[in-house]
Amino acid sequence: MARKSRPPKLSEVQKNQLLTIVKRRDSAQHLVQRVHVILLAADGQANNHIASQVKLCQETVRTWRKRWNNQQTKIDAIEADGNEKALRDFITEVVLADDPYNGKRGNYTPEQITQLYAIVCENPQDSGRPISHWSCRELAEEMVKRGIVERIPISTVWDFLKSRRFQCCFFEGTQSGRLAESKKRRSGCHNDYLRR
């Protein structure tokens, strides 16, 4: 028989704060989903029922219940101080917030980044690729193929390309097209080969 999780004990103030988060138009969808997990758990519902209602897996539901229960004494202490804004901030920024990124980002030299930008401005067919425009995946593969890096995640390629230094190439074809063209001329970028 499965062990039953302890339901969170919500005071009226805590429940009202959670409902306020749900009703706010500017609340992030993932935060609203987590609030629903806590509200349903406080009503005594099992993890599998909560998971099916909020469209999450049971492990994720268990994680948010556990995080709330682990922070319950701090939540109660903040509520006892009577500062509702501090309570809402603690719930949204600590209890129900994403864990900070704990992976190690790769270190790339300015030379490697510059070489990425140079590849973007080349015709992919000149590198033996049967495509007309570069994608981030193809750029990552090309950097590895040329020995510029041992490996580079596609998301990192995207991060470099969307940086301010390279934005001139992303405005083409938008209402800011003229401004983009003048930026491209000043920056020396002649990219017609990046897939948008």
C-alpha atoms as a PDB file:
ATOM      1  CA  MET A   1       0.000   0.000   0.000  1.00  0.00           C
ATOM      2  CA  ALA A   2       1.338   3.437  -0.937  1.00  0.00           C
ATOM      3  CA  ARG A   3       2.324   5.777   1.855  1.00  0.00           C
ATOM      4  CA  LYS A   4      -0.040   8.740   2.036  1.00  0.00           C
ATOM      5  CA  SER A   5       1.547  12.188   1.862  1.00  0.00           C
ATOM      6  CA  ARG A   6       0.856  14.590   4.673  1.00  0.00           C
ATOM      7  CA  PRO A   7      -1.549  17.296   3.432  1.00  0.00           C
ATOM      8  CA  PRO A   8      -0.318  20.876   3.829  1.00  0.00           C
ATOM      9  CA  LYS A   9      -1.991  22.798   6.633  1.00  0.00           C
ATOM     10  CA  LEU A  10      -3.120  26.104   5.175  1.00  0.00           C
ATOM     11  CA  SER A  11      -4.378  28.939   7.303  1.00  0.00           C
ATOM     12  CA  GLU A  12      -7.036  31.248   5.829  1.00  0.00           C
ATOM     13  CA  VAL A  13      -4.377  33.888   5.165  1.00  0.00           C
ATOM     14  CA  GLN A  14      -2.143  31.385   3.346  1.00  0.00           C
ATOM     15  CA  LYS A  15      -5.077  30.076   1.312  1.00  0.00           C
ATOM     16  CA  ASN A  16      -6.079  33.626   0.374  1.00  0.00           C
ATOM     17  CA  GLN A  17      -2.516  34.398  -0.701  1.00  0.00           C
ATOM     18  CA  LEU A  18      -2.476  31.302  -2.902  1.00  0.00           C
ATOM     19  CA  LEU A  19      -5.841  32.211  -4.427  1.00  0.00           C
ATOM     20  CA  THR A  20      -4.560  35.730  -5.095  1.00  0.00           C
ATOM     21  CA  ILE A  21      -1.618  34.259  -7.018  1.00  0.00           C
ATOM     22  CA  VAL A  22      -4.018  32.146  -9.106  1.00  0.00           C
ATOM     23  CA  LYS A  23      -6.292  35.099  -9.882  1.00  0.00           C
ATOM     24  CA  ARG A  24      -3.557  37.546 -10.838  1.00  0.00           C
ATOM     25  CA  ARG A  25      -3.327  37.998 -14.573  1.00  0.00           C
ATOM     26  CA  ASP A  26       0.455  38.353 -14.465  1.00  0.00           C
ATOM     27  CA  SER A  27       1.146  35.112 -12.564  1.00  0.00           C
ATOM     28  CA  ALA A  28       3.309  32.682 -14.512  1.00  0.00           C
ATOM     29  CA  GLN A  29       1.494  29.532 -15.611  1.00  0.00           C
ATOM     30  CA  HIS A  30       3.977  27.206 -13.897  1.00  0.00           C
ATOM     31  CA  LEU A  31       3.448  29.093 -10.620  1.00  0.00           C
ATOM     32  CA  VAL A  32      -0.349  28.833 -10.922  1.00  0.00           C
ATOM     33  CA  GLN A  33       0.015  25.101 -11.568  1.00  0.00           C
ATOM     34  CA  ARG A  34       2.115  24.700  -8.414  1.00  0.00           C
ATOM     35  CA  VAL A  35      -0.395  26.687  -6.362  1.00  0.00           C
ATOM     36  CA  HIS A  36      -3.152  24.359  -7.584  1.00  0.00           C
ATOM     37  CA  VAL A  37      -1.052  21.399  -6.394  1.00  0.00           C
ATOM     38  CA  ILE A  38      -0.860  22.895  -2.889  1.00  0.00           C
ATOM     39  CA  LEU A  39      -4.559  23.834  -2.778  1.00  0.00           C
ATOM     40  CA  LEU A  40      -5.668  20.378  -3.925  1.00  0.00           C
ATOM     41  CA  ALA A  41      -3.249  18.692  -1.523  1.00  0.00           C
ATOM     42  CA  ALA A  42      -4.613  20.805   1.338  1.00  0.00           C
ATOM     43  CA  ASP A  43      -8.078  19.498   0.433  1.00  0.00           C
ATOM     44  CA  GLY A  44      -6.729  15.994   1.096  1.00  0.00           C
ATOM     45  CA  GLN A  45      -6.478  14.763  -2.487  1.00  0.00           C
ATOM     46  CA  ALA A  46      -3.977  12.046  -3.358  1.00  0.00           C
ATOM     47  CA  ASN A  47      -0.965  12.746  -5.562  1.00  0.00           C
ATOM     48  CA  ASN A  48      -2.275  10.659  -8.471  1.00  0.00           C
ATOM     49  CA  HIS A  49      -5.560  12.610  -8.542  1.00  0.00           C
ATOM     50  CA  ILE A  50      -3.733  15.929  -8.290  1.00  0.00           C
ATOM     51  CA  ALA A  51      -1.345  14.884 -11.063  1.00  0.00           C
ATOM     52  CA  SER A  52      -4.188  14.084 -13.441  1.00  0.00           C
ATOM     53  CA  GLN A  53      -6.000  17.351 -12.632  1.00  0.00           C
ATOM     54  CA  VAL A  54      -3.034  19.688 -13.098  1.00  0.00           C
ATOM     55  CA  LYS A  55      -1.375  17.644 -15.881  1.00  0.00           C
ATOM     56  CA  LEU A  56       1.860  16.888 -14.021  1.00  0.00           C
ATOM     57  CA  CYS A  57       3.532  13.626 -13.132  1.00  0.00           C
ATOM     58  CA  GLN A  58       3.125  12.276  -9.603  1.00  0.00           C
ATOM     59  CA  GLU A  59       6.802  12.852  -8.810  1.00  0.00           C
ATOM     60  CA  THR A  60       6.440  16.560  -9.559  1.00  0.00           C
ATOM     61  CA  VAL A  61       3.318  16.796  -7.405  1.00  0.00           C
ATOM     62  CA  ARG A  62       5.205  15.033  -4.605  1.00  0.00           C
ATOM     63  CA  THR A  63       8.093  17.502  -4.977  1.00  0.00           C
ATOM     64  CA  TRP A  64       5.885  20.595  -4.546  1.00  0.00           C
ATOM     65  CA  ARG A  65       3.973  19.098  -1.614  1.00  0.00           C
ATOM     66  CA  LYS A  66       7.261  18.225   0.074  1.00  0.00           C
ATOM     67  CA  ARG A  67       8.709  21.700  -0.521  1.00  0.00           C
ATOM     68  CA  TRP A  68       5.624  23.315   0.996  1.00  0.00           C
ATOM     69  CA  ASN A  69       5.692  20.995   3.999  1.00  0.00           C
ATOM     70  CA  ASN A  70       9.434  21.587   4.521  1.00  0.00           C
ATOM     71  CA  GLN A  71       8.888  25.371   4.560  1.00  0.00           C
ATOM     72  CA  GLN A  72       5.683  25.293   6.652  1.00  0.00           C
ATOM     73  CA  THR A  73       7.281  26.639   9.849  1.00  0.00           C
ATOM     74  CA  LYS A  74       8.860  29.574   7.975  1.00  0.00           C
ATOM     75  CA  ILE A  75       5.562  30.272   6.206  1.00  0.00           C
ATOM     76  CA  ASP A  76       3.762  30.288   9.567  1.00  0.00           C
ATOM     77  CA  ALA A  77       6.415  32.587  11.096  1.00  0.00           C
ATOM     78  CA  ILE A  78       6.147  35.097   8.242  1.00  0.00           C
ATOM     79  CA  GLU A  79       2.363  35.012   8.503  1.00  0.00           C
ATOM     80  CA  ALA A  80       2.613  35.649  12.264  1.00  0.00           C
ATOM     81  CA  ASP A  81       4.541  38.876  11.509  1.00  0.00           C
ATOM     82  CA  GLY A  82       1.430  40.111   9.687  1.00  0.00           C
ATOM     83  CA  ASN A  83       3.197  41.167   6.484  1.00  0.00           C
ATOM     84  CA  GLU A  84       1.079  39.672   3.684  1.00  0.00           C
ATOM     85  CA  LYS A  85       3.364  40.952   0.913  1.00  0.00           C
ATOM     86  CA  ALA A  86       6.364  39.274   2.555  1.00  0.00           C
ATOM     87  CA  LEU A  87       4.323  36.071   2.827  1.00  0.00           C
ATOM     88  CA  ARG A  88       3.312  36.170  -0.853  1.00  0.00           C
ATOM     89  CA  ASP A  89       6.898  36.953  -1.897  1.00  0.00           C
ATOM     90  CA  PHE A  90       8.258  34.059   0.185  1.00  0.00           C
ATOM     91  CA  ILE A  91       5.720  31.664  -1.337  1.00  0.00           C
ATOM     92  CA  THR A  92       6.421  32.748  -4.923  1.00  0.00           C
ATOM     93  CA  GLU A  93      10.164  33.392  -4.717  1.00  0.00           C
ATOM     94  CA  VAL A  94      11.255  30.605  -2.356  1.00  0.00           C
ATOM     95  CA  VAL A  95       8.704  27.864  -1.770  1.00  0.00           C
ATOM     96  CA  LEU A  96       7.233  27.530  -5.266  1.00  0.00           C
ATOM     97  CA  ALA A  97      10.146  28.935  -7.265  1.00  0.00           C
ATOM     98  CA  ASP A  98      12.365  26.928  -9.605  1.00  0.00           C
ATOM     99  CA  ASP A  99      15.581  25.663  -8.123  1.00  0.00           C
ATOM    100  CA  PRO A 100      18.552  27.759  -9.176  1.00  0.00           C
ATOM    101  CA  TYR A 101      20.491  26.345 -12.113  1.00  0.00           C
ATOM    102  CA  ASN A 102      23.215  24.173 -10.655  1.00  0.00           C
ATOM    103  CA  GLY A 103      24.816  22.841 -13.810  1.00  0.00           C
ATOM    104  CA  LYS A 104      28.092  24.211 -15.055  1.00  0.00           C
ATOM    105  CA  ARG A 105      27.918  26.368 -18.141  1.00  0.00           C
ATOM    106  CA  GLY A 106      30.718  25.859 -20.592  1.00  0.00           C
ATOM    107  CA  ASN A 107      33.392  28.500 -20.881  1.00  0.00           C
ATOM    108  CA  TYR A 108      33.886  29.754 -24.403  1.00  0.00           C
ATOM    109  CA  THR A 109      36.634  32.095 -25.463  1.00  0.00           C
ATOM    110  CA  PRO A 110      35.919  35.277 -27.418  1.00  0.00           C
ATOM    111  CA  GLU A 111      37.741  33.662 -30.350  1.00  0.00           C
ATOM    112  CA  GLN A 112      35.368  30.700 -30.344  1.00  0.00           C
ATOM    113  CA  ILE A 113      32.334  32.993 -30.227  1.00  0.00           C
ATOM    114  CA  THR A 114      33.756  35.109 -33.046  1.00  0.00           C
ATOM    115  CA  GLN A 115      34.276  31.969 -35.109  1.00  0.00           C
ATOM    116  CA  LEU A 116      30.620  31.062 -34.531  1.00  0.00           C
ATOM    117  CA  TYR A 117      29.565  34.484 -35.831  1.00  0.00           C
ATOM    118  CA  ALA A 118      31.858  34.032 -38.848  1.00  0.00           C
ATOM    119  CA  ILE A 119      30.261  30.663 -39.671  1.00  0.00           C
ATOM    120  CA  VAL A 120      26.797  32.211 -39.471  1.00  0.00           C
ATOM    121  CA  CYS A 121      27.769  34.702 -42.161  1.00  0.00           C
ATOM    122  CA  GLU A 122      28.937  31.931 -44.506  1.00  0.00           C
ATOM    123  CA  ASN A 123      26.802  30.078 -46.995  1.00  0.00           C
ATOM    124  CA  PRO A 124      26.147  26.605 -45.493  1.00  0.00           C
ATOM    125  CA  GLN A 125      26.658  25.005 -48.898  1.00  0.00           C
ATOM    126  CA  ASP A 126      30.276  26.217 -48.845  1.00  0.00           C
ATOM    127  CA  SER A 127      30.744  23.895 -45.854  1.00  0.00           C
ATOM    128  CA  GLY A 128      29.286  20.944 -47.726  1.00  0.00           C
ATOM    129  CA  ARG A 129      25.865  21.189 -46.116  1.00  0.00           C
ATOM    130  CA  PRO A 130      22.829  20.680 -48.379  1.00  0.00           C
ATOM    131  CA  ILE A 131      20.873  23.510 -46.760  1.00  0.00           C
ATOM    132  CA  SER A 132      20.250  27.126 -47.615  1.00  0.00           C
ATOM    133  CA  HIS A 133      20.198  28.561 -44.062  1.00  0.00           C
ATOM    134  CA  TRP A 134      21.934  27.665 -40.804  1.00  0.00           C
ATOM    135  CA  SER A 135      20.016  26.326 -37.817  1.00  0.00           C
ATOM    136  CA  CYS A 136      21.452  26.292 -34.305  1.00  0.00           C
ATOM    137  CA  ARG A 137      21.875  22.507 -34.481  1.00  0.00           C
ATOM    138  CA  GLU A 138      23.816  22.746 -37.735  1.00  0.00           C
ATOM    139  CA  LEU A 139      25.978  25.566 -36.369  1.00  0.00           C
ATOM    140  CA  ALA A 140      26.845  23.485 -33.290  1.00  0.00           C
ATOM    141  CA  GLU A 141      27.724  20.515 -35.493  1.00  0.00           C
ATOM    142  CA  GLU A 142      29.869  22.702 -37.756  1.00  0.00           C
ATOM    143  CA  MET A 143      31.788  24.160 -34.804  1.00  0.00           C
ATOM    144  CA  VAL A 144      32.608  20.637 -33.601  1.00  0.00           C
ATOM    145  CA  LYS A 145      33.464  19.491 -37.138  1.00  0.00           C
ATOM    146  CA  ARG A 146      35.923  22.378 -37.550  1.00  0.00           C
ATOM    147  CA  GLY A 147      37.516  21.660 -34.174  1.00  0.00           C
ATOM    148  CA  ILE A 148      36.532  25.026 -32.707  1.00  0.00           C
ATOM    149  CA  VAL A 149      34.957  23.323 -29.674  1.00  0.00           C
ATOM    150  CA  GLU A 150      34.734  19.734 -28.444  1.00  0.00           C
ATOM    151  CA  ARG A 151      31.005  20.125 -27.903  1.00  0.00           C
ATOM    152  CA  ILE A 152      28.515  22.958 -27.596  1.00  0.00           C
ATOM    153  CA  PRO A 153      24.834  22.687 -26.679  1.00  0.00           C
ATOM    154  CA  ILE A 154      22.356  23.970 -29.232  1.00  0.00           C
ATOM    155  CA  SER A 155      20.851  26.220 -26.552  1.00  0.00           C
ATOM    156  CA  THR A 156      24.258  27.856 -26.027  1.00  0.00           C
ATOM    157  CA  VAL A 157      24.551  28.579 -29.754  1.00  0.00           C
ATOM    158  CA  TRP A 158      21.127  30.197 -29.581  1.00  0.00           C
ATOM    159  CA  ASP A 159      22.142  32.243 -26.528  1.00  0.00           C
ATOM    160  CA  PHE A 160      25.191  33.595 -28.371  1.00  0.00           C
ATOM    161  CA  LEU A 161      23.148  34.428 -31.462  1.00  0.00           C
ATOM    162  CA  LYS A 162      20.461  36.311 -29.581  1.00  0.00           C
ATOM    163  CA  SER A 163      23.026  38.401 -27.686  1.00  0.00           C
ATOM    164  CA  ARG A 164      23.087  42.148 -28.356  1.00  0.00           C
ATOM    165  CA  ARG A 165      26.237  41.899 -30.417  1.00  0.00           C
ATOM    166  CA  PHE A 166      24.524  39.812 -33.048  1.00  0.00           C
ATOM    167  CA  GLN A 167      20.946  41.105 -33.035  1.00  0.00           C
ATOM    168  CA  CYS A 168      21.419  42.954 -36.290  1.00  0.00           C
ATOM    169  CA  CYS A 169      20.894  39.693 -38.150  1.00  0.00           C
ATOM    170  CA  PHE A 170      17.557  38.905 -36.509  1.00  0.00           C
ATOM    171  CA  PHE A 171      15.679  42.077 -37.473  1.00  0.00           C
ATOM    172  CA  GLU A 172      15.721  41.427 -41.186  1.00  0.00           C
ATOM    173  CA  GLY A 173      12.232  41.231 -42.661  1.00  0.00           C
ATOM    174  CA  THR A 174      10.538  42.977 -39.732  1.00  0.00           C
ATOM    175  CA  GLN A 175       9.199  46.486 -39.485  1.00  0.00           C
ATOM    176  CA  SER A 176      12.602  47.439 -38.100  1.00  0.00           C
ATOM    177  CA  GLY A 177      14.205  46.250 -41.343  1.00  0.00           C
ATOM    178  CA  ARG A 178      15.747  49.567 -42.370  1.00  0.00           C
ATOM    179  CA  LEU A 179      17.298  50.076 -38.962  1.00  0.00           C
ATOM    180  CA  ALA A 180      18.580  46.501 -39.076  1.00  0.00           C
ATOM    181  CA  GLU A 181      20.129  47.023 -42.489  1.00  0.00           C
ATOM    182  CA  SER A 182      22.012  50.107 -41.297  1.00  0.00           C
ATOM    183  CA  LYS A 183      23.190  48.210 -38.191  1.00  0.00           C
ATOM    184  CA  LYS A 184      24.358  45.346 -40.391  1.00  0.00           C
ATOM    185  CA  ARG A 185      26.333  47.693 -42.643  1.00  0.00           C
ATOM    186  CA  ARG A 186      27.987  49.374 -39.648  1.00  0.00           C
ATOM    187  CA  SER A 187      28.797  46.047 -37.978  1.00  0.00           C
ATOM    188  CA  GLY A 188      30.134  44.520 -41.185  1.00  0.00           C
ATOM    189  CA  CYS A 189      27.649  41.646 -40.955  1.00  0.00           C
ATOM    190  CA  HIS A 190      26.412  40.323 -44.280  1.00  0.00           C
ATOM    191  CA  ASN A 191      24.386  37.386 -43.036  1.00  0.00           C
ATOM    192  CA  ASP A 192      21.780  36.086 -45.398  1.00  0.00           C
ATOM    193  CA  TYR A 193      22.199  32.499 -44.295  1.00  0.00           C
ATOM    194  CA  LEU A 194      20.720  32.326 -40.769  1.00  0.00           C
ATOM    195  CA  ARG A 195      17.365  30.628 -40.408  1.00  0.00           C
ATOM    196  CA  ARG A 196      14.960  32.873 -38.481  1.00  0.00           C
END
